[in-house]
Amino acid sequence: MSIRPLVIIPDSRLRLISDPVMRVDARVRAIVEDMFETMYDAPGIGLAAIQVGIPERIITVDVAKRESDDEGEEEKKNPIALINPEIIGASEELSVYSEGCLSIPEYYADVERPAQVKVRYMDLNGETQEIDADGLFATCVQHEIDHLNGVLFIDHISKLKRDRVIKKFTKLARDKERDGA
């Protein structure tokens, strides 16, 4: 397992539509392991393969919370990998969460999405599964599936705010390149 570098806006790879995974094999499972390690290290609650430069339809999610035990902090984990995920149903009810993204560091904005979704995906054994998601889990899954389609959470906010964010990160990338970092 290894931590992979994150793709940060304005990198054009984030706008790619990711390719379907044809079969779940050792290569795909190794990518998933790296994605979990990268996601936990960041730290984040979701990651799409394109965010580590792999244009394949793979996402990892873990929205478990940290809980305290008698000996201090113990991290509770509930990792789930979804391969070729697709939303097959969504509630009419909407919810708003303040979203952030590992590819847009330290920027958060309220985004409105369906409160519940039903998702079909392949698990790490290549078996087709369906899962009902609600709350933060539903938001996270929708956010990561958006990545697979070249959509960023800032595409769900006003054009003015989106343009400001893109301008800021474009300038940061230019400055970093100029400084040779």
Protein backbone atom coordinates (compact mmCIF):
# COMPACT_ATOMS: atom_id res chain seq x y z
CA MET A 1 0.00 0.00 0.00
CA SER A 2 1.11 3.53 -0.62
CA ILE A 3 -0.13 7.06 -0.31
CA ARG A 4 -0.63 8.56 -3.76
CA PRO A 5 -0.34 12.26 -4.60
CA LEU A 6 -3.67 14.07 -4.87
CA VAL A 7 -4.75 15.80 -8.07
CA ILE A 8 -5.60 19.44 -7.22
CA ILE A 9 -7.60 21.96 -9.25
CA PRO A 10 -7.05 23.46 -11.80
CA ASP A 11 -5.64 20.10 -13.06
CA SER A 12 -7.71 19.21 -16.14
CA ARG A 13 -7.77 15.50 -15.21
CA LEU A 14 -10.48 16.33 -12.67
CA ARG A 15 -12.81 17.05 -15.61
CA LEU A 16 -12.29 13.66 -17.26
CA ILE A 17 -15.10 11.12 -17.42
CA SER A 18 -13.68 7.97 -15.83
CA ASP A 19 -13.71 4.63 -17.64
CA PRO A 20 -15.66 1.62 -16.34
CA VAL A 21 -13.71 -1.13 -14.61
CA MET A 22 -14.04 -4.28 -16.74
CA ARG A 23 -13.11 -6.75 -14.01
CA VAL A 24 -12.15 -6.64 -10.37
CA ASP A 25 -8.70 -8.17 -10.01
CA ALA A 26 -5.56 -7.78 -7.92
CA ARG A 27 -4.67 -4.53 -9.76
CA VAL A 28 -8.04 -2.95 -8.86
CA ARG A 29 -7.84 -4.17 -5.26
CA ALA A 30 -4.33 -2.64 -4.97
CA ILE A 31 -5.67 0.69 -6.28
CA VAL A 32 -8.46 0.54 -3.67
CA GLU A 33 -5.94 -0.15 -0.87
CA ASP A 34 -3.85 2.84 -1.98
CA MET A 35 -6.98 4.99 -2.20
CA PHE A 36 -8.01 4.13 1.38
CA GLU A 37 -4.50 4.85 2.66
CA THR A 38 -4.44 8.16 0.77
CA MET A 39 -7.96 9.10 1.91
CA TYR A 40 -7.24 8.37 5.60
CA ASP A 41 -3.91 10.20 5.44
CA ALA A 42 -5.43 13.36 3.90
CA PRO A 43 -7.74 13.03 6.00
CA GLY A 44 -10.96 12.67 4.06
CA ILE A 45 -14.21 10.70 4.02
CA GLY A 46 -14.32 9.91 0.30
CA LEU A 47 -12.03 9.64 -2.69
CA ALA A 48 -12.51 8.97 -6.39
CA ALA A 49 -9.74 7.25 -8.35
CA ILE A 50 -9.37 10.27 -10.65
CA GLN A 51 -8.29 12.27 -7.60
CA VAL A 52 -5.13 10.15 -7.52
CA GLY A 53 -4.73 10.32 -11.31
CA ILE A 54 -6.52 7.09 -12.23
CA PRO A 55 -9.43 7.67 -14.65
CA GLU A 56 -11.39 4.58 -13.59
CA ARG A 57 -14.83 4.32 -11.97
CA ILE A 58 -13.67 3.50 -8.42
CA ILE A 59 -14.59 5.33 -5.23
CA THR A 60 -13.77 4.79 -1.58
CA VAL A 61 -15.91 6.10 1.27
CA ASP A 62 -15.76 6.01 5.06
CA VAL A 63 -17.99 8.40 6.99
CA ALA A 64 -17.47 6.71 10.39
CA LYS A 65 -16.80 9.19 13.17
CA ARG A 66 -13.96 9.27 15.62
CA GLU A 67 -15.09 8.13 19.04
CA SER A 68 -13.32 8.40 22.34
CA ASP A 69 -12.56 5.34 24.43
CA ASP A 70 -10.95 4.96 27.86
CA GLU A 71 -7.44 5.14 26.41
CA GLY A 72 -7.97 8.25 24.28
CA GLU A 73 -8.91 8.55 20.63
CA GLU A 74 -9.72 5.41 18.72
CA GLU A 75 -10.59 5.75 15.08
CA LYS A 76 -13.72 3.84 14.09
CA LYS A 77 -13.61 2.76 10.47
CA ASN A 78 -16.31 1.57 8.12
CA PRO A 79 -14.57 1.55 4.72
CA ILE A 80 -16.55 0.79 1.59
CA ALA A 81 -15.22 0.56 -1.96
CA LEU A 82 -17.67 1.02 -4.82
CA ILE A 83 -16.60 0.01 -8.31
CA ASN A 84 -18.61 1.29 -11.29
CA PRO A 85 -21.13 2.94 -8.92
CA GLU A 86 -24.32 4.35 -10.39
CA ILE A 87 -27.23 6.08 -8.73
CA ILE A 88 -30.38 4.14 -9.61
CA GLY A 89 -32.79 6.05 -7.39
CA ALA A 90 -32.93 9.33 -5.51
CA SER A 91 -35.38 10.88 -3.07
CA GLU A 92 -37.29 14.03 -3.90
CA GLU A 93 -36.36 15.26 -0.43
CA LEU A 94 -33.18 17.33 -0.49
CA SER A 95 -30.56 18.04 2.15
CA VAL A 96 -27.77 20.58 2.41
CA TYR A 97 -24.27 19.76 3.65
CA SER A 98 -21.17 21.89 3.83
CA GLU A 99 -18.93 20.01 1.42
CA GLY A 100 -15.20 20.08 0.96
CA CYS A 101 -12.91 18.17 -1.36
CA LEU A 102 -9.39 16.82 -1.13
CA SER A 103 -8.81 18.19 -4.65
CA ILE A 104 -9.90 21.68 -3.55
CA PRO A 105 -8.08 21.99 -0.20
CA GLU A 106 -9.52 24.09 2.60
CA TYR A 107 -12.56 25.30 0.65
CA TYR A 108 -16.08 24.46 1.81
CA ALA A 109 -19.53 25.39 0.51
CA ASP A 110 -23.12 24.37 1.12
CA VAL A 111 -24.40 21.99 -1.56
CA GLU A 112 -27.95 20.73 -1.94
CA ARG A 113 -28.40 17.11 -3.06
CA PRO A 114 -31.01 14.36 -2.72
CA ALA A 115 -31.25 13.27 0.93
CA GLN A 116 -31.29 9.56 0.02
CA VAL A 117 -29.97 7.59 -2.94
CA LYS A 118 -29.92 3.96 -4.02
CA VAL A 119 -26.61 2.95 -5.57
CA ARG A 120 -25.67 -0.10 -7.64
CA TYR A 121 -21.99 -1.03 -7.71
CA MET A 122 -19.51 -3.91 -7.79
CA ASP A 123 -17.74 -4.90 -4.60
CA LEU A 124 -14.13 -6.07 -4.32
CA ASN A 125 -15.22 -9.60 -5.24
CA GLY A 126 -16.75 -8.37 -8.51
CA GLU A 127 -20.28 -9.02 -7.23
CA THR A 128 -23.06 -6.56 -8.05
CA GLN A 129 -24.50 -4.93 -4.93
CA GLU A 130 -27.11 -2.29 -4.13
CA ILE A 131 -27.02 -0.01 -1.13
CA ASP A 132 -29.40 2.60 0.25
CA ALA A 133 -27.55 5.68 1.44
CA ASP A 134 -28.81 8.62 3.45
CA GLY A 135 -27.40 11.52 5.44
CA LEU A 136 -23.70 12.24 5.13
CA PHE A 137 -23.11 8.87 3.44
CA ALA A 138 -25.56 9.79 0.62
CA THR A 139 -23.90 13.18 0.18
CA CYS A 140 -20.42 11.65 0.08
CA VAL A 141 -21.37 8.95 -2.44
CA GLN A 142 -22.99 11.53 -4.73
CA HIS A 143 -19.95 13.82 -4.42
CA GLU A 144 -17.57 10.98 -5.37
CA ILE A 145 -19.75 9.72 -8.24
CA ASP A 146 -19.77 13.30 -9.55
CA HIS A 147 -15.95 13.07 -9.72
CA LEU A 148 -16.25 10.01 -11.97
CA ASN A 149 -18.27 12.17 -14.37
CA GLY A 150 -15.88 15.14 -14.34
CA VAL A 151 -18.11 17.17 -12.00
CA LEU A 152 -16.77 18.99 -8.94
CA PHE A 153 -18.81 20.08 -5.93
CA ILE A 154 -18.11 23.71 -6.88
CA ASP A 155 -20.20 23.09 -10.01
CA HIS A 156 -23.20 23.03 -7.64
CA ILE A 157 -22.57 26.54 -6.27
CA SER A 158 -23.05 29.95 -7.87
CA LYS A 159 -20.94 30.85 -10.89
CA LEU A 160 -19.49 33.84 -9.03
CA LYS A 161 -18.24 31.71 -6.10
CA ARG A 162 -17.02 28.96 -8.45
CA ASP A 163 -15.08 31.46 -10.59
CA ARG A 164 -13.41 32.90 -7.46
CA VAL A 165 -12.32 29.44 -6.29
CA ILE A 166 -10.95 28.47 -9.71
CA LYS A 167 -9.11 31.80 -10.01
CA LYS A 168 -7.57 31.36 -6.54
CA PHE A 169 -6.33 27.82 -7.23
CA THR A 170 -5.12 28.70 -10.72
CA LYS A 171 -3.01 31.50 -9.21
CA LEU A 172 -1.68 29.15 -6.49
CA ALA A 173 -0.70 26.58 -9.14
CA ARG A 174 0.99 29.24 -11.25
CA ASP A 175 2.91 30.58 -8.22
CA LYS A 176 3.96 27.05 -7.23
CA GLU A 177 5.18 26.34 -10.76
CA ARG A 178 7.04 29.65 -10.90
CA ASP A 179 8.73 28.94 -7.57
CA GLY A 180 9.75 25.50 -8.79
CA ALA A 181 7.93 23.66 -6.02
